[in-house]
Amino acid sequence: MRLRFLNAIGLLLLAAAVVTAPAAAQSEDWNKVVAAAKKEGRVVYYGTSTDLTKKLASLFEKKYGIQVDTLNLRPTELRERVRSEQSAGRYMGDVVSGGLGVPVAMAKLGQFEPYGDLPLANKVEAPFENDGTLLMPYATAAGILINTNMVKPEDEPKSWRDLLDPKWKGKILMFDPRQDGMGQVFFGVTYYKIGADFQEKFATTQNPTLAIDSVVDQRRVGAGEFPMYLLVNIPDFVNLKGLPVKIVFPTEGAAFTQTVYSVLKNAPHPNAARLYMNFLMEDEAQQEIVKDGRISAITAMNQAAPEHLRPLVTTKLLGATVPDTLTERFRVARELYK
């Protein structure tokens, strides 16, 4: 399976990068970039502040002596912040990250600039890609959370279509697919990869309970209120340690979400921004990524994950939601889930 994050928009961005990117030739002296980055002394990061992003920032600061200033923003806040800053000619941020949909939309508006020839960008492997503007250093896989006291091993869903079994009617808790979140990931991936008929049958015959607080709802499954929850990602599952729960990935593969990093237009610390982007592909950063339960863009690195996480981060991937289908996905989800 090859992830198409270089979709119609991505191809246009790639073409633009070829034309507009500075001639960051293969012969560029990266040592000069590092020296200039250290002289700049800081990099301003816009994105969601998680344990992983904090650890990555700390590693970067320790290795290069460059301060990372983080502005914790939700996706809608991020887009508005960058729009207002750039429209006013106030360029304050250097690097942004987010799920694929937000960076693709921002790139379409011309809010990024190519990061050029990073020494380690070519380490990215399929199904991950980079196009010189959008870099995907890792992804997060999500599966079905089950209560092991309520679901026997022989009854665990082996296929996504096993969720249509009548025995699960009225017994599945899921994040509301009419909103951003793992419910929409479940809906979008299975709608296009398993089939529209699957989602139509699931929504109309299984009567799932819709909810919007994933942290609370996952623990509701652990407490035995429901036998199953859709969906839980690997890092969140790890946080449920001690509860009688298990994450199940159907044989067709896991749904996943991509995390994309980009350099903002007219970044005030352009060399530090490029250095940080390259750092994300360094071994130290990638090791921290798999320790957090994320899937590395470097296949071999996933084998370096802690033993209890290795089977999870090396799971087969089914697909991710595609930004171009967002409007249609929400329209259909609102029709089916009422």
Protein backbone atom coordinates (compact mmCIF):
# COMPACT_ATOMS: atom_id res chain seq x y z
CA MET A 1 0.00 0.00 0.00
CA ARG A 2 1.40 3.33 -1.00
CA LEU A 3 0.16 6.34 0.88
CA ARG A 4 -0.95 9.13 -1.42
CA PHE A 5 -0.14 12.21 0.50
CA LEU A 6 1.34 13.51 -2.77
CA ASN A 7 -2.20 13.79 -4.14
CA ALA A 8 -3.33 16.40 -6.64
CA ILE A 9 -2.36 19.20 -4.26
CA GLY A 10 0.88 17.53 -3.34
CA LEU A 11 1.91 17.13 -6.97
CA LEU A 12 1.35 20.82 -7.56
CA LEU A 13 3.47 21.60 -4.51
CA LEU A 14 6.22 19.36 -5.80
CA ALA A 15 6.20 21.09 -9.14
CA ALA A 16 6.31 24.47 -7.42
CA ALA A 17 9.17 23.35 -5.23
CA VAL A 18 11.20 22.35 -8.26
CA VAL A 19 10.73 25.83 -9.72
CA THR A 20 10.94 27.98 -6.60
CA ALA A 21 13.21 26.10 -4.21
CA PRO A 22 16.62 27.61 -3.82
CA ALA A 23 19.34 25.64 -5.48
CA ALA A 24 20.09 23.77 -2.29
CA ALA A 25 22.51 21.65 -4.22
CA GLN A 26 23.70 18.28 -3.12
CA SER A 27 27.07 19.93 -2.55
CA GLU A 28 25.66 22.36 0.03
CA ASP A 29 27.92 22.56 3.05
CA TRP A 30 25.61 21.38 5.82
CA ASN A 31 28.16 22.39 8.44
CA LYS A 32 27.54 26.00 7.43
CA VAL A 33 23.80 25.50 7.93
CA VAL A 34 24.42 24.08 11.41
CA ALA A 35 26.75 26.97 12.29
CA ALA A 36 24.21 29.53 11.05
CA ALA A 37 21.44 27.78 13.00
CA LYS A 38 23.48 27.94 16.20
CA LYS A 39 24.08 31.63 15.58
CA GLU A 40 20.31 32.17 15.25
CA GLY A 41 20.01 30.43 18.60
CA ARG A 42 16.37 29.43 18.60
CA VAL A 43 13.57 27.83 16.62
CA VAL A 44 9.88 28.63 17.15
CA TYR A 45 7.61 25.60 16.83
CA TYR A 46 3.85 25.83 16.32
CA GLY A 47 1.86 22.67 17.02
CA THR A 48 0.30 20.43 19.62
CA SER A 49 2.51 20.06 22.66
CA THR A 50 2.66 16.36 23.55
CA ASP A 51 5.08 14.26 25.57
CA LEU A 52 6.75 13.33 22.29
CA THR A 53 7.17 16.88 20.97
CA LYS A 54 8.56 17.95 24.35
CA LYS A 55 11.10 15.11 24.32
CA LEU A 56 12.12 15.89 20.75
CA ALA A 57 12.60 19.55 21.62
CA SER A 58 14.70 18.61 24.65
CA LEU A 59 16.91 16.30 22.57
CA PHE A 60 17.40 19.00 19.95
CA GLU A 61 18.31 21.62 22.54
CA LYS A 62 20.77 19.28 24.23
CA LYS A 63 22.48 18.26 20.99
CA TYR A 64 22.67 21.61 19.22
CA GLY A 65 22.37 24.18 22.00
CA ILE A 66 19.48 25.83 20.18
CA GLN A 67 16.40 26.81 22.17
CA VAL A 68 13.00 25.49 21.05
CA ASP A 69 10.10 27.79 21.84
CA THR A 70 6.80 25.92 21.56
CA LEU A 71 3.41 27.51 21.01
CA ASN A 72 0.76 24.91 21.82
CA LEU A 73 -2.03 25.26 19.25
CA ARG A 74 -5.02 23.23 18.12
CA PRO A 75 -5.38 22.77 14.33
CA THR A 76 -7.95 25.56 13.90
CA GLU A 77 -5.90 27.87 16.13
CA LEU A 78 -2.76 27.07 14.18
CA ARG A 79 -4.31 27.97 10.84
CA GLU A 80 -5.74 31.22 12.16
CA ARG A 81 -2.50 32.19 13.92
CA VAL A 82 -0.44 31.73 10.77
CA ARG A 83 -3.04 33.42 8.57
CA SER A 84 -3.23 36.51 10.80
CA GLU A 85 0.55 36.75 11.22
CA GLN A 86 1.35 36.41 7.55
CA SER A 87 -1.43 38.74 6.38
CA ALA A 88 0.00 41.37 8.74
CA GLY A 89 3.55 40.74 7.56
CA ARG A 90 4.55 39.49 11.02
CA TYR A 91 6.54 36.31 10.60
CA MET A 92 7.13 34.77 14.01
CA GLY A 93 6.96 30.98 13.62
CA ASP A 94 9.58 28.71 12.06
CA VAL A 95 8.26 25.14 12.03
CA VAL A 96 4.74 23.75 12.24
CA SER A 97 3.38 20.25 12.57
CA GLY A 98 -0.02 18.68 12.38
CA GLY A 99 -2.12 15.94 10.87
CA LEU A 100 -1.93 15.78 7.10
CA GLY A 101 -5.08 17.78 6.37
CA VAL A 102 -3.95 21.01 8.03
CA PRO A 103 -0.48 21.24 6.42
CA VAL A 104 -1.88 20.40 2.97
CA ALA A 105 -4.47 23.18 3.29
CA MET A 106 -1.82 25.64 4.51
CA ALA A 107 0.55 24.69 1.72
CA LYS A 108 -2.18 25.36 -0.81
CA LEU A 109 -2.40 28.90 0.58
CA GLY A 110 1.33 29.42 0.12
CA GLN A 111 2.06 29.59 3.84
CA PHE A 112 5.13 27.33 3.66
CA GLU A 113 8.38 27.44 1.79
CA PRO A 114 10.51 24.53 0.59
CA TYR A 115 12.99 23.29 3.16
CA GLY A 116 15.44 22.39 0.42
CA ASP A 117 17.90 19.55 0.39
CA LEU A 118 17.98 18.06 3.88
CA PRO A 119 20.76 15.47 4.26
CA LEU A 120 18.44 12.91 5.90
CA ALA A 121 15.18 13.52 4.04
CA ASN A 122 15.97 10.66 1.68
CA LYS A 123 15.72 8.22 4.60
CA VAL A 124 11.92 8.49 4.41
CA GLU A 125 10.50 5.23 3.05
CA ALA A 126 7.17 4.23 1.53
CA PRO A 127 4.36 4.51 2.50
CA PHE A 128 5.75 7.78 3.92
CA GLU A 129 6.88 10.55 1.58
CA ASN A 130 8.41 13.99 1.53
CA ASP A 131 8.10 16.48 -1.30
CA GLY A 132 10.57 19.16 -0.31
CA THR A 133 7.88 21.14 1.51
CA LEU A 134 5.96 18.58 3.59
CA LEU A 135 7.99 16.08 5.61
CA MET A 136 6.36 13.10 7.30
CA PRO A 137 8.78 11.64 9.88
CA TYR A 138 6.24 9.40 11.60
CA ALA A 139 2.65 8.22 11.82
CA THR A 140 0.34 6.86 14.50
CA ALA A 141 -1.54 3.59 14.04
CA ALA A 142 -4.96 3.01 15.56
CA GLY A 143 -6.91 -0.15 16.23
CA ILE A 144 -9.89 -1.58 18.06
CA LEU A 145 -9.78 -1.37 21.86
CA ILE A 146 -11.38 -4.38 23.54
CA ASN A 147 -12.03 -5.38 27.13
CA THR A 148 -10.32 -8.75 27.55
CA ASN A 149 -12.75 -9.78 30.31
CA MET A 150 -15.70 -9.27 27.99
CA VAL A 151 -14.34 -10.43 24.64
CA LYS A 152 -13.00 -13.96 24.31
CA PRO A 153 -9.92 -14.46 22.11
CA GLU A 154 -11.96 -16.40 19.56
CA ASP A 155 -14.45 -13.52 19.37
CA GLU A 156 -11.90 -10.77 18.76
CA PRO A 157 -12.50 -9.06 15.41
CA LYS A 158 -10.12 -10.56 12.86
CA SER A 159 -11.43 -8.42 10.01
CA TRP A 160 -13.00 -4.98 9.98
CA ARG A 161 -16.13 -6.67 8.64
CA ASP A 162 -16.34 -8.75 11.83
CA LEU A 163 -17.66 -5.58 13.47
CA LEU A 164 -20.90 -6.26 11.55
CA ASP A 165 -21.55 -9.43 13.59
CA PRO A 166 -25.01 -9.12 15.22
CA LYS A 167 -23.50 -9.98 18.62
CA TRP A 168 -21.93 -6.52 18.72
CA LYS A 169 -25.16 -4.63 18.11
CA GLY A 170 -25.53 -1.88 20.71
CA LYS A 171 -22.25 -2.86 22.38
CA ILE A 172 -19.71 -0.68 20.58
CA LEU A 173 -18.58 2.69 21.87
CA MET A 174 -16.97 4.97 19.30
CA PHE A 175 -15.77 8.52 18.88
CA ASP A 176 -18.39 10.48 16.97
CA PRO A 177 -17.43 10.23 13.25
CA ARG A 178 -19.23 13.50 12.50
CA GLN A 179 -16.40 15.33 14.26
CA ASP A 180 -12.61 15.42 13.90
CA GLY A 181 -11.07 12.55 15.79
CA MET A 182 -10.52 8.82 15.70
CA GLY A 183 -14.16 8.17 14.85
CA GLN A 184 -13.67 10.06 11.59
CA VAL A 185 -10.41 8.16 10.98
CA PHE A 186 -12.30 4.88 11.42
CA PHE A 187 -15.06 6.09 9.15
CA GLY A 188 -12.83 7.57 6.45
CA VAL A 189 -10.36 4.70 6.20
CA THR A 190 -12.91 1.88 6.23
CA TYR A 191 -15.31 3.75 3.92
CA TYR A 192 -12.71 3.97 1.17
CA LYS A 193 -10.60 0.89 1.94
CA ILE A 194 -13.15 -1.68 3.16
CA GLY A 195 -16.16 -0.33 1.30
CA ALA A 196 -19.03 2.11 1.52
CA ASP A 197 -21.36 -0.83 2.12
CA PHE A 198 -19.43 -1.68 5.30
CA GLN A 199 -19.99 1.74 6.82
CA GLU A 200 -23.62 1.85 5.69
CA LYS A 201 -24.33 -1.51 7.37
CA PHE A 202 -22.33 -0.66 10.47
CA ALA A 203 -24.09 2.66 11.03
CA THR A 204 -27.61 1.37 10.33
CA THR A 205 -27.53 -2.07 11.98
CA GLN A 206 -25.00 -1.97 14.84
CA ASN A 207 -26.34 1.04 16.75
CA PRO A 208 -22.94 2.19 18.11
CA THR A 209 -22.88 4.61 21.03
CA LEU A 210 -21.26 7.88 19.96
CA ALA A 211 -19.09 9.87 22.36
CA ILE A 212 -16.58 12.72 22.19
CA ASP A 213 -14.14 12.29 25.10
CA SER A 214 -11.60 9.69 24.06
CA VAL A 215 -9.68 9.69 27.35
CA VAL A 216 -12.81 9.02 29.40
CA ASP A 217 -14.36 6.69 26.86
CA GLN A 218 -11.35 4.40 26.60
CA ARG A 219 -11.48 3.95 30.35
CA ARG A 220 -15.19 3.19 30.13
CA VAL A 221 -14.18 0.14 28.12
CA GLY A 222 -11.52 -0.71 30.69
CA ALA A 223 -14.17 -0.47 33.42
CA GLY A 224 -16.43 -2.92 31.57
CA GLU A 225 -19.15 -0.51 30.50
CA PHE A 226 -18.58 -1.52 26.86
CA PRO A 227 -16.63 -4.45 25.38
CA MET A 228 -15.22 -2.40 22.50
CA TYR A 229 -14.13 1.12 21.48
CA LEU A 230 -13.31 2.59 18.05
CA LEU A 231 -10.51 3.63 17.68
CA VAL A 232 -7.55 3.84 20.02
CA ASN A 233 -4.06 4.85 18.88
CA ILE A 234 -0.96 3.12 20.21
CA PRO A 235 0.29 5.92 22.53
CA ASP A 236 -3.16 6.21 24.15
CA PHE A 237 -3.36 2.44 24.52
CA VAL A 238 -0.02 2.42 26.34
CA ASN A 239 -1.49 4.89 28.84
CA LEU A 240 -4.17 2.32 29.72
CA LYS A 241 -1.61 -0.02 31.27
CA GLY A 242 -3.07 -1.95 34.19
CA LEU A 243 -6.59 -2.13 32.75
CA PRO A 244 -8.02 -5.32 31.19
CA VAL A 245 -7.76 -4.01 27.64
CA LYS A 246 -6.09 -5.00 24.39
CA ILE A 247 -5.58 -3.29 21.04
CA VAL A 248 -6.57 -5.34 18.00
CA PHE A 249 -5.49 -4.65 14.43
CA PRO A 250 -7.66 -6.41 11.81
CA THR A 251 -5.89 -8.49 9.17
CA GLU A 252 -6.53 -5.90 6.45
CA GLY A 253 -4.34 -3.50 8.41
CA ALA A 254 -4.50 -0.60 10.83
CA ALA A 255 -5.93 2.83 10.20
CA PHE A 256 -3.32 5.49 10.78
CA THR A 257 -2.79 9.23 10.96
CA GLN A 258 0.21 11.08 9.57
CA THR A 259 2.16 13.81 11.31
CA VAL A 260 3.63 16.33 8.89
CA TYR A 261 6.25 19.02 9.55
CA SER A 262 6.87 22.11 7.41
CA VAL A 263 8.86 25.36 7.45
CA LEU A 264 6.78 28.52 7.51
CA LYS A 265 7.16 31.21 4.88
CA ASN A 266 9.75 33.84 5.84
CA ALA A 267 10.73 31.93 8.98
CA PRO A 268 12.76 34.27 11.24
CA HIS A 269 15.22 31.45 12.00
CA PRO A 270 15.45 29.66 8.63
CA ASN A 271 18.63 27.71 9.30
CA ALA A 272 17.45 26.53 12.72
CA ALA A 273 14.16 25.53 11.11
CA ARG A 274 15.92 23.41 8.48
CA LEU A 275 18.20 21.90 11.11
CA TYR A 276 15.19 20.94 13.23
CA MET A 277 13.49 19.34 10.22
CA ASN A 278 16.60 17.30 9.48
CA PHE A 279 16.97 16.43 13.18
CA LEU A 280 13.57 14.70 13.08
CA MET A 281 15.11 12.05 10.83
CA GLU A 282 18.23 11.57 12.99
CA ASP A 283 18.57 8.31 14.90
CA GLU A 284 18.12 9.92 18.33
CA ALA A 285 14.84 11.52 17.31
CA GLN A 286 13.55 8.43 15.54
CA GLN A 287 14.38 6.25 18.54
CA GLU A 288 12.32 8.58 20.73
CA ILE A 289 9.50 8.43 18.19
CA VAL A 290 9.20 4.63 18.30
CA LYS A 291 9.58 4.62 22.10
CA ASP A 292 6.45 6.77 22.16
CA GLY A 293 4.53 4.16 20.15
CA ARG A 294 4.67 5.98 16.81
CA ILE A 295 5.57 4.38 13.50
CA SER A 296 8.88 5.59 12.10
CA ALA A 297 9.28 6.67 8.49
CA ILE A 298 12.43 4.54 8.55
CA THR A 299 11.29 0.91 8.42
CA ALA A 300 14.29 -0.58 10.21
CA MET A 301 13.91 1.88 13.08
CA ASN A 302 10.60 0.28 14.08
CA GLN A 303 12.50 -2.87 14.98
CA ALA A 304 14.34 -0.79 17.61
CA ALA A 305 11.10 -0.10 19.48
CA PRO A 306 10.83 -1.46 23.04
CA GLU A 307 9.86 -5.14 23.06
CA HIS A 308 6.31 -4.51 24.28
CA LEU A 309 5.72 -1.96 21.51
CA ARG A 310 7.48 -3.67 18.62
CA PRO A 311 4.52 -5.84 17.49
CA LEU A 312 2.35 -2.72 17.50
CA VAL A 313 4.59 -0.29 15.58
CA THR A 314 5.39 -2.94 12.98
CA THR A 315 1.74 -3.76 12.30
CA LYS A 316 0.43 -3.79 8.74
CA LEU A 317 -1.03 -0.45 7.64
CA LEU A 318 -4.33 -0.23 5.82
CA GLY A 319 -4.65 3.45 5.05
CA ALA A 320 -5.09 6.99 6.27
CA THR A 321 -7.70 9.64 5.62
CA VAL A 322 -7.06 11.78 2.53
CA PRO A 323 -7.53 15.56 2.82
CA ASP A 324 -9.25 15.85 -0.56
CA THR A 325 -12.12 13.66 0.68
CA LEU A 326 -12.77 15.60 3.90
CA THR A 327 -15.95 17.42 2.82
CA GLU A 328 -17.48 14.29 1.32
CA ARG A 329 -16.55 12.16 4.35
CA PHE A 330 -18.27 14.47 6.79
CA ARG A 331 -21.34 14.78 4.56
CA VAL A 332 -21.77 11.00 4.36
CA ALA A 333 -21.00 10.47 8.05
CA ARG A 334 -23.69 12.99 9.04
CA GLU A 335 -26.19 11.21 6.83
CA LEU A 336 -25.44 7.77 8.25
CA TYR A 337 -24.93 8.55 11.94
CA LYS A 338 -27.98 10.36 13.32
